[in-house]
Protein backbone atom coordinates (compact mmCIF):
# COMPACT_ATOMS: atom_id res chain seq x y z
CA MET A 1 -18.08 -6.12 -1.55
CA GLY A 2 -19.00 -2.76 -2.94
CA THR A 3 -19.40 0.66 -1.56
CA ALA A 4 -21.90 -0.63 0.99
CA ASN A 5 -19.05 -2.19 2.96
CA ILE A 6 -16.80 0.84 2.71
CA LEU A 7 -19.17 3.70 3.45
CA PRO A 8 -20.71 3.29 6.89
CA ALA A 9 -24.32 4.16 7.51
CA ARG A 10 -24.64 7.50 9.24
CA PRO A 11 -24.09 6.66 12.90
CA THR A 12 -26.52 7.81 15.54
CA ALA A 13 -25.24 9.49 18.68
CA SER A 14 -25.59 6.25 20.64
CA GLN A 15 -23.59 4.36 17.98
CA VAL A 16 -20.87 6.99 18.08
CA ARG A 17 -20.74 6.69 21.88
CA ARG A 18 -20.00 2.99 21.67
CA GLN A 19 -16.91 3.52 19.55
CA PRO A 20 -13.70 3.14 21.56
CA ASN A 21 -11.69 6.26 22.14
CA PRO A 22 -8.19 5.57 20.75
CA GLY A 23 -6.59 7.72 23.43
CA GLN A 24 -8.10 5.71 26.26
CA SER A 25 -8.47 2.01 26.74
CA PRO A 26 -11.27 0.92 26.92
CA GLY A 27 -12.82 4.41 27.42
CA LEU A 28 -15.80 5.90 25.66
CA LEU A 29 -16.17 9.18 23.86
CA THR A 30 -17.23 12.13 25.97
CA ASP A 31 -20.55 13.87 25.30
CA LYS A 32 -18.68 16.75 23.69
CA GLN A 33 -16.80 14.35 21.38
CA VAL A 34 -20.04 12.58 20.45
CA THR A 35 -21.66 15.90 19.60
CA ARG A 36 -18.71 17.03 17.52
CA LEU A 37 -18.60 13.75 15.56
CA SER A 38 -22.37 13.76 15.03
CA ASP A 39 -22.24 17.36 13.79
CA LEU A 40 -19.33 16.54 11.52
CA PHE A 41 -21.00 13.46 10.03
CA ALA A 42 -24.30 15.32 9.53
CA ASP A 43 -22.66 17.54 6.91
CA ASP A 44 -22.43 15.97 3.45
CA HIS A 45 -19.16 17.81 2.85
CA HIS A 46 -17.49 15.41 5.26
CA VAL A 47 -18.51 12.06 3.77
CA GLN A 48 -14.86 11.25 3.04
CA VAL A 49 -13.93 11.90 6.67
CA GLU A 50 -16.83 9.73 7.81
CA ALA A 51 -15.81 6.87 5.52
CA THR A 52 -12.20 7.10 6.65
CA TRP A 53 -13.27 7.19 10.29
CA GLY A 54 -15.37 4.07 9.73
CA ILE A 55 -12.37 2.25 8.24
CA TYR A 56 -10.23 3.39 11.15
CA GLN A 57 -12.78 2.03 13.61
CA ARG A 58 -12.80 -1.32 11.79
CA MET A 59 -8.99 -1.47 12.02
CA ILE A 60 -9.04 -0.66 15.72
CA ALA A 61 -11.72 -3.33 16.28
CA ALA A 62 -9.57 -5.92 14.50
CA TYR A 63 -6.43 -5.08 16.47
CA ARG A 64 -8.28 -4.95 19.81
CA HIS A 65 -10.30 -8.12 19.34
CA GLU A 66 -9.71 -10.61 22.16
CA ASP A 67 -9.56 -13.58 19.76
CA ARG A 68 -6.55 -13.21 17.47
CA ARG A 69 -8.09 -15.50 14.84
CA ARG A 70 -11.20 -13.35 14.66
CA GLY A 71 -9.05 -10.20 14.58
CA HIS A 72 -7.12 -11.74 11.68
CA GLU A 73 -10.39 -12.41 9.84
CA LEU A 74 -11.64 -8.87 10.46
CA MET A 75 -8.39 -7.34 9.19
CA ALA A 76 -8.27 -9.65 6.14
CA THR A 77 -11.86 -8.69 5.29
CA LEU A 78 -11.00 -5.01 5.69
CA ILE A 79 -7.99 -5.36 3.39
CA THR A 80 -10.15 -7.12 0.78
CA ASP A 81 -12.87 -4.47 1.04
CA LEU A 82 -10.36 -1.64 0.70
CA SER A 83 -8.59 -3.20 -2.25
CA THR A 84 -11.73 -3.90 -4.29
CA GLY A 85 -14.71 -1.69 -3.53
CA VAL A 86 -13.69 1.88 -2.82
CA PRO A 87 -15.38 4.73 -4.73
CA LYS A 88 -13.03 6.84 -6.85
CA ALA A 89 -13.72 9.94 -4.77
CA LEU A 90 -12.02 8.37 -1.75
CA THR A 91 -8.48 8.65 -3.08
CA GLU A 92 -6.80 8.29 0.33
CA LEU A 93 -8.66 5.04 1.00
CA ILE A 94 -7.78 3.74 -2.46
CA THR A 95 -4.11 4.39 -1.70
CA LEU A 96 -4.48 2.77 1.73
CA GLY A 97 -6.14 -0.25 0.11
CA ARG A 98 -3.29 -0.66 -2.37
CA THR A 99 -0.69 -0.39 0.37
CA LEU A 100 -2.48 -2.82 2.66
CA LYS A 101 -2.94 -5.30 -0.18
CA LYS A 102 0.79 -5.18 -1.00
CA ARG A 103 1.75 -5.48 2.67
CA ALA A 104 -1.07 -7.84 3.74
CA ASP A 105 1.31 -10.56 4.90
CA ASP A 106 3.17 -8.11 7.12
CA VAL A 107 -0.01 -6.57 8.53
CA LEU A 108 -1.64 -9.94 9.19
CA ALA A 109 1.55 -11.31 10.78
CA TYR A 110 0.67 -9.26 13.85
CA PHE A 111 -2.17 -11.69 14.54
CA ASN A 112 -0.03 -14.79 13.95
CA HIS A 113 2.86 -13.75 16.21
CA PRO A 114 1.46 -12.34 19.45
CA ARG A 115 3.54 -10.14 21.72
CA THR A 116 6.08 -9.26 19.04
CA SER A 117 7.46 -5.80 18.46
CA ASN A 118 9.46 -3.90 15.91
CA GLY A 119 11.14 -2.03 18.77
CA PRO A 120 14.63 -3.49 18.20
CA THR A 121 14.50 -2.56 14.52
CA GLU A 122 13.35 0.96 15.35
CA ALA A 123 16.15 1.29 17.91
CA LEU A 124 18.77 0.40 15.29
CA ASN A 125 17.17 2.74 12.76
CA GLY A 126 17.26 5.54 15.33
CA ARG A 127 20.95 4.99 15.95
CA LEU A 128 21.70 4.99 12.22
CA GLU A 129 19.68 8.19 11.73
CA HIS A 130 21.64 9.80 14.55
CA LEU A 131 24.92 8.69 12.95
CA ARG A 132 23.86 10.01 9.56
CA GLY A 133 22.91 13.35 11.09
CA SER A 134 26.08 13.76 13.12
CA ALA A 135 28.53 12.47 10.50
CA LEU A 136 27.76 15.21 7.96
CA GLY A 137 28.13 12.77 5.10
CA PHE A 138 30.48 9.95 4.24
CA ARG A 139 32.42 9.80 1.01
CA ASN A 140 33.70 6.31 1.58
CA LEU A 141 31.14 3.47 1.79
CA THR A 142 33.53 1.26 3.77
CA ASN A 143 33.91 3.96 6.43
CA TYR A 144 30.14 4.40 6.58
CA ILE A 145 29.61 0.66 7.07
CA ALA A 146 32.29 0.54 9.76
CA ARG A 147 30.80 3.53 11.62
CA SER A 148 27.30 2.05 11.30
CA LEU A 149 28.44 -1.24 12.80
CA LEU A 150 30.18 0.56 15.65
CA GLU A 151 27.14 2.77 16.29
CA THR A 152 24.65 -0.11 16.35
CA GLY A 153 26.41 -2.53 18.62
CA GLY A 154 29.89 -3.11 17.39
CA PHE A 155 31.52 -5.60 15.10
CA ARG A 156 30.52 -9.23 15.21
CA PRO A 157 33.14 -11.90 14.42
CA GLN A 158 30.77 -13.73 12.07
CA LEU A 159 30.42 -10.55 10.00
CA HIS A 160 34.14 -9.88 9.99
CA PRO A 161 36.12 -13.13 10.17
CA ARG A 162 39.46 -11.27 10.31
CA LEU A 163 38.46 -9.64 13.59
CA GLY A 164 38.18 -11.79 16.60
């Protein structure tokens, strides 16, 4: 795996057109967007942006692949490429590679457990953030835990055997 896998070849306008537009599904880039990307990638000052865009497109392709097994393979290959063969000048991609390597099991779990969501976790986190913001600080940990439990759905008998 070396830099050949990380740095994409300079795309032609027709190659850029075939890339999916993240804002639309399954839309294509407009002519204006194709021109802007082609102009951007033609300038050697933007090689880092081009490399990052190529990695982003590979991620999108893995997540959107119809076959989850193949998507899993694409993402695993991307994680391996990012964790081993990134040039030193691409510091953001090096950091991304380290993070993806550490969290590979979590990232790849998406492909093993279809139709799952972290929505419930985010809902609880949102409630706790709201509590923290409106409470103006707690000095007593027990009170904070009690308020957190009340805010996120109340007390459960299995958590508090004396209540019930």
